[in-house]
Amino acid sequence: AVDQSVLILKPGQRLDTDKVFNLLPVQSLSDYPYKAVDTPECLEVRPRRAVSLDHVYDSLKNVGLKMVTNLIVRQPLCLKYRGITYHKAFSSDTSRYIKYSERKLSSPPVETVRTFFPETWIWQLSEVGDSGSAQVPVTVPDTITSWETEAFCLSSEGLGLAPPAQLTVFQPFFLELSLPYSIIRGEIFELKATVFNYLSKCIMVKVTPAPSSDYTLKASDVQYSSCLCANGRKTFKWILTPSVLGVLSITVSAEAEASQT
């Protein structure tokens, strides 16, 4: 599985049947010339009714393969009648042939901290039984995103490629900070925290930035309380002034409060 944001930055990196087919050394499969066929010498005779033939020699010949063996693998094309050999007419059932150009290699509250944010996920081999399917329990990463999943299988019959599937991961209630890449000591900037509510009802939320000796916040409006409706979002802002050099750690918490209405 690949994070959808990675595919947006690097499009065209998907595995599909065309890419797999183009890896084959021989892509155009066809019959070989008539002059390369060793035919027996016998008289040309047209019988009343044609005989349909379908055997291993014709199957190999139709994909351009020449068989070298001392076994008799061809059905006789000559018929003997009163000591004279005649050609036996036959018809090919072309409906059984595959057009290779059209062929497709056809998952009491515990406080958790989100720390696992990979760009790729699920590199795992699983054995598939006769049912052709397998259940693999996994734990999704902490990234709130959509994952593009792909799967392929190998067997004695060849390679199988499953169509891509999408898995969307989200949390019903979370907070997202909007921070600049870098700031200068003493510079004033606006700290923004957006709270998302994907619950089925409105809730009263309290958003509070943690105090720190690394920065100072404006005394007024340090803590916010507001009603946040279902499937809604709201952005809270503070004026922040950093006071140290180096990496600055900023912590903002959001929690639901008991509503009075």
Protein backbone atom coordinates (compact mmCIF):
# COMPACT_ATOMS: atom_id res chain seq x y z
CA ALA A 1 0.00 0.00 0.00
CA VAL A 2 1.20 3.50 -0.87
CA ASP A 3 0.17 6.83 0.63
CA GLN A 4 -1.95 8.67 -1.94
CA SER A 5 0.14 11.82 -1.49
CA VAL A 6 3.19 9.92 -2.79
CA LEU A 7 1.33 8.93 -5.96
CA ILE A 8 0.33 12.56 -6.50
CA LEU A 9 3.99 13.63 -6.35
CA LYS A 10 5.17 10.69 -8.48
CA PRO A 11 2.38 9.69 -10.88
CA GLY A 12 2.74 6.72 -13.20
CA GLN A 13 4.42 4.47 -10.60
CA ARG A 14 1.63 1.90 -10.45
CA LEU A 15 2.05 -1.75 -11.38
CA ASP A 16 -0.44 -2.80 -14.05
CA THR A 17 -0.90 -5.57 -16.58
CA ASP A 18 0.59 -3.58 -19.46
CA LYS A 19 3.86 -3.03 -17.56
CA VAL A 20 4.07 -6.74 -16.72
CA PHE A 21 3.32 -7.80 -20.29
CA ASN A 22 5.94 -5.40 -21.69
CA LEU A 23 8.60 -7.16 -19.59
CA LEU A 24 8.20 -10.32 -21.68
CA PRO A 25 11.01 -10.86 -24.22
CA VAL A 26 8.47 -12.00 -26.85
CA GLN A 27 5.33 -9.89 -27.12
CA SER A 28 4.13 -10.57 -30.66
CA LEU A 29 3.22 -14.25 -30.95
CA SER A 30 2.33 -15.52 -34.40
CA ASP A 31 2.70 -18.47 -36.72
CA TYR A 32 5.99 -19.09 -38.52
CA PRO A 33 6.27 -18.99 -42.33
CA TYR A 34 4.88 -21.77 -44.46
CA LYS A 35 8.35 -22.49 -45.87
CA ALA A 36 9.53 -23.51 -42.38
CA VAL A 37 6.97 -26.33 -42.24
CA ASP A 38 8.17 -29.80 -43.24
CA THR A 39 5.32 -31.28 -45.24
CA PRO A 40 5.18 -34.87 -46.51
CA GLU A 41 4.86 -35.55 -50.21
CA CYS A 42 1.46 -36.83 -51.24
CA LEU A 43 -1.21 -36.11 -53.81
CA GLU A 44 -3.62 -33.18 -53.38
CA VAL A 45 -7.19 -34.46 -53.03
CA ARG A 46 -10.22 -32.56 -51.79
CA PRO A 47 -12.54 -34.84 -49.80
CA ARG A 48 -16.25 -34.32 -49.34
CA ARG A 49 -15.96 -33.35 -45.67
CA ALA A 50 -13.14 -31.61 -43.74
CA VAL A 51 -11.74 -33.09 -40.52
CA SER A 52 -11.15 -30.78 -37.53
CA LEU A 53 -7.70 -31.13 -35.92
CA ASP A 54 -6.54 -29.75 -32.58
CA HIS A 55 -3.35 -31.13 -31.01
CA VAL A 56 -0.11 -30.04 -29.35
CA TYR A 57 1.79 -29.52 -32.61
CA ASP A 58 -0.70 -26.92 -33.84
CA SER A 59 -0.76 -25.19 -30.44
CA LEU A 60 3.02 -24.70 -30.50
CA LYS A 61 3.04 -23.76 -34.17
CA ASN A 62 0.41 -21.04 -33.69
CA VAL A 63 2.65 -19.18 -31.21
CA GLY A 64 5.74 -19.47 -33.41
CA LEU A 65 7.50 -22.32 -31.56
CA LYS A 66 9.36 -25.02 -33.48
CA MET A 67 9.54 -28.44 -31.79
CA VAL A 68 12.70 -30.56 -32.12
CA THR A 69 12.02 -34.18 -31.13
CA ASN A 70 12.31 -37.73 -32.46
CA LEU A 71 8.76 -38.49 -31.37
CA ILE A 72 5.82 -38.50 -33.75
CA VAL A 73 3.93 -35.44 -32.53
CA ARG A 74 2.08 -34.52 -35.72
CA GLN A 75 -1.12 -36.18 -36.79
CA PRO A 76 -0.67 -37.65 -40.27
CA LEU A 77 -1.64 -35.32 -43.08
CA CYS A 78 -1.61 -38.11 -45.64
CA LEU A 79 -4.15 -40.89 -46.15
CA LYS A 80 -3.27 -44.12 -47.85
CA TYR A 81 -5.70 -45.60 -50.29
CA ARG A 82 -4.76 -48.57 -52.44
CA GLY A 83 -1.08 -47.91 -51.88
CA ILE A 84 -1.25 -44.18 -52.79
CA THR A 85 -0.84 -41.39 -50.21
CA TYR A 86 -3.26 -38.45 -50.36
CA HIS A 87 -3.42 -35.12 -48.45
CA LYS A 88 -6.08 -35.06 -45.72
CA ALA A 89 -7.98 -31.76 -45.60
CA PHE A 90 -8.65 -30.22 -42.19
CA SER A 91 -10.19 -27.08 -40.73
CA SER A 92 -8.86 -25.05 -37.81
CA ASP A 93 -11.16 -23.98 -35.02
CA THR A 94 -9.92 -20.37 -34.77
CA SER A 95 -12.41 -19.55 -32.05
CA ARG A 96 -10.17 -21.41 -29.59
CA TYR A 97 -7.14 -19.25 -30.26
CA ILE A 98 -6.30 -16.38 -27.88
CA LYS A 99 -5.59 -12.93 -29.21
CA TYR A 100 -2.49 -12.14 -27.22
CA SER A 101 -2.66 -8.43 -28.00
CA GLU A 102 -6.01 -8.32 -26.14
CA ARG A 103 -5.05 -10.65 -23.27
CA LYS A 104 -4.88 -9.10 -19.76
CA LEU A 105 -2.74 -10.61 -17.00
CA SER A 106 -6.04 -10.38 -15.84
CA SER A 107 -9.31 -4.43 7.50
CA PRO A 108 -11.75 2.86 29.75
CA PRO A 109 -10.20 5.01 26.67
CA VAL A 110 -6.45 4.63 26.24
CA GLU A 111 -4.45 7.69 25.29
CA THR A 112 -2.28 7.00 22.26
CA VAL A 113 0.36 9.10 20.57
CA ARG A 114 0.46 9.08 16.77
CA THR A 115 4.05 8.41 15.75
CA PHE A 116 3.90 6.01 12.77
CA PHE A 117 3.71 7.95 9.48
CA PRO A 118 5.22 5.79 6.68
CA GLU A 119 4.89 6.53 2.96
CA THR A 120 4.56 2.82 2.08
CA TRP A 121 2.87 0.06 4.05
CA ILE A 122 2.11 -3.72 3.97
CA TRP A 123 5.06 -5.52 2.41
CA GLN A 124 3.87 -8.99 3.32
CA LEU A 125 3.69 -12.45 1.72
CA SER A 126 0.64 -14.61 2.39
CA GLU A 127 -0.23 -18.08 1.21
CA VAL A 128 -3.53 -18.36 -0.63
CA GLY A 129 -5.37 -21.66 -0.53
CA ASP A 130 -7.80 -23.24 -2.97
CA SER A 131 -10.36 -20.52 -2.22
CA GLY A 132 -8.15 -17.95 -3.97
CA SER A 133 -8.35 -15.48 -1.09
CA ALA A 134 -6.65 -14.83 2.24
CA GLN A 135 -7.40 -12.67 5.29
CA VAL A 136 -4.45 -10.68 6.62
CA PRO A 137 -5.03 -8.70 9.87
CA VAL A 138 -3.05 -5.44 9.90
CA THR A 139 -2.88 -2.23 11.94
CA VAL A 140 -3.20 0.92 9.88
CA PRO A 141 -0.56 3.67 10.31
CA ASP A 142 -1.34 6.91 12.10
CA THR A 143 -1.47 8.97 8.90
CA ILE A 144 -4.89 10.43 8.10
CA THR A 145 -4.92 9.75 4.38
CA SER A 146 -6.07 7.36 1.65
CA TRP A 147 -3.96 4.30 0.89
CA GLU A 148 -3.72 2.85 -2.62
CA THR A 149 -3.34 -0.92 -2.17
CA GLU A 150 -2.09 -3.35 -4.80
CA ALA A 151 -1.66 -7.13 -4.67
CA PHE A 152 -0.27 -9.77 -7.01
CA CYS A 153 0.11 -13.54 -6.76
CA LEU A 154 2.45 -16.15 -8.22
CA SER A 155 1.69 -19.81 -8.89
CA SER A 156 2.59 -22.59 -11.26
CA GLU A 157 -0.06 -21.18 -13.61
CA GLY A 158 1.64 -17.77 -13.88
CA LEU A 159 1.20 -14.25 -12.49
CA GLY A 160 -2.05 -12.72 -11.27
CA LEU A 161 -2.57 -9.00 -10.63
CA ALA A 162 -5.48 -7.76 -8.52
CA PRO A 163 -7.17 -4.44 -9.34
CA PRO A 164 -6.10 -1.58 -7.03
CA ALA A 165 -8.26 -0.82 -3.99
CA GLN A 166 -8.44 2.30 -1.83
CA LEU A 167 -8.46 2.40 1.97
CA THR A 168 -9.29 5.70 3.68
CA VAL A 169 -7.98 6.20 7.22
CA PHE A 170 -9.28 8.96 9.45
CA GLN A 171 -10.07 9.83 13.07
CA PRO A 172 -13.49 11.11 14.16
CA PHE A 173 -11.93 13.89 16.25
CA PHE A 174 -8.46 15.36 15.79
CA LEU A 175 -6.44 18.59 15.70
CA GLU A 176 -4.06 19.83 13.02
CA LEU A 177 -1.44 22.58 13.47
CA SER A 178 -0.38 25.00 10.75
CA LEU A 179 3.26 26.00 11.36
CA PRO A 180 5.88 27.87 9.30
CA TYR A 181 9.00 26.02 8.13
CA SER A 182 11.29 28.34 10.15
CA ILE A 183 11.09 31.51 12.25
CA ILE A 184 13.52 34.09 13.69
CA ARG A 185 13.95 34.56 17.45
CA GLY A 186 11.78 37.48 18.50
CA GLU A 187 9.62 37.20 15.38
CA ILE A 188 5.88 37.25 15.94
CA PHE A 189 3.70 34.82 14.00
CA GLU A 190 0.14 33.53 14.14
CA LEU A 191 -0.23 29.97 15.45
CA LYS A 192 -3.24 28.22 13.89
CA ALA A 193 -4.87 25.02 15.16
CA THR A 194 -7.77 23.48 13.22
CA VAL A 195 -10.05 21.03 15.04
CA PHE A 196 -12.04 18.47 13.00
CA ASN A 197 -15.23 16.80 14.21
CA TYR A 198 -16.39 13.78 12.16
CA LEU A 199 -18.67 12.48 14.92
CA SER A 200 -22.41 12.16 14.34
CA LYS A 201 -23.33 15.03 16.70
CA CYS A 202 -22.20 18.50 17.75
CA ILE A 203 -19.80 18.78 20.68
CA MET A 204 -18.34 21.52 22.88
CA VAL A 205 -14.55 21.57 22.51
CA LYS A 206 -11.83 23.27 24.53
CA VAL A 207 -8.53 24.06 22.79
CA THR A 208 -5.52 24.98 24.90
CA PRO A 209 -1.87 25.60 23.96
CA ALA A 210 0.63 24.24 26.51
CA PRO A 211 2.80 26.87 28.27
CA SER A 212 6.54 26.78 27.56
CA SER A 213 9.69 28.75 28.31
CA ASP A 214 10.59 28.50 24.61
CA TYR A 215 7.89 30.97 23.55
CA THR A 216 5.38 33.45 24.90
CA LEU A 217 1.70 33.73 24.07
CA LYS A 218 -0.61 36.72 24.21
CA ALA A 219 -2.20 36.85 27.69
CA SER A 220 -5.78 37.18 26.43
CA ASP A 221 -7.65 34.42 24.65
CA VAL A 222 -5.12 31.72 25.55
CA GLN A 223 -7.89 29.14 25.94
CA TYR A 224 -10.82 28.72 23.57
CA SER A 225 -14.15 26.92 24.04
CA SER A 226 -16.52 26.59 21.14
CA CYS A 227 -19.32 24.43 19.77
CA LEU A 228 -18.24 22.28 16.84
CA CYS A 229 -20.98 20.64 14.80
CA ALA A 230 -20.92 17.22 13.15
CA ASN A 231 -18.66 16.93 10.10
CA GLY A 232 -17.39 20.43 10.81
CA ARG A 233 -14.06 22.11 11.44
CA LYS A 234 -12.95 25.28 13.19
CA THR A 235 -9.63 27.14 13.31
CA PHE A 236 -8.28 28.74 16.49
CA LYS A 237 -5.49 31.33 16.43
CA TRP A 238 -2.87 32.69 18.85
CA ILE A 239 -0.07 35.25 18.60
CA LEU A 240 3.20 33.45 19.45
CA THR A 241 6.70 34.91 19.98
CA PRO A 242 9.66 32.47 20.14
CA SER A 243 12.42 33.21 22.67
CA VAL A 244 15.06 30.51 22.00
CA LEU A 245 17.16 29.23 19.11
CA GLY A 246 16.95 25.75 17.62
CA VAL A 247 14.05 23.34 17.40
CA LEU A 248 10.86 24.67 18.95
CA SER A 249 8.29 22.23 20.41
CA ILE A 250 4.71 23.50 20.45
CA THR A 251 1.90 21.52 22.06
CA VAL A 252 -1.81 22.27 21.62
CA SER A 253 -4.52 20.05 23.12
CA ALA A 254 -8.20 19.71 22.19
CA GLU A 255 -10.81 17.94 24.31
CA ALA A 256 -14.57 17.62 24.42
CA GLU A 257 -16.44 19.28 27.28
CA ALA A 258 -19.77 18.42 28.85
CA SER A 259 -22.36 20.60 27.11
CA GLN A 260 -24.94 22.57 29.11
CA THR A 261 -27.50 22.47 26.29
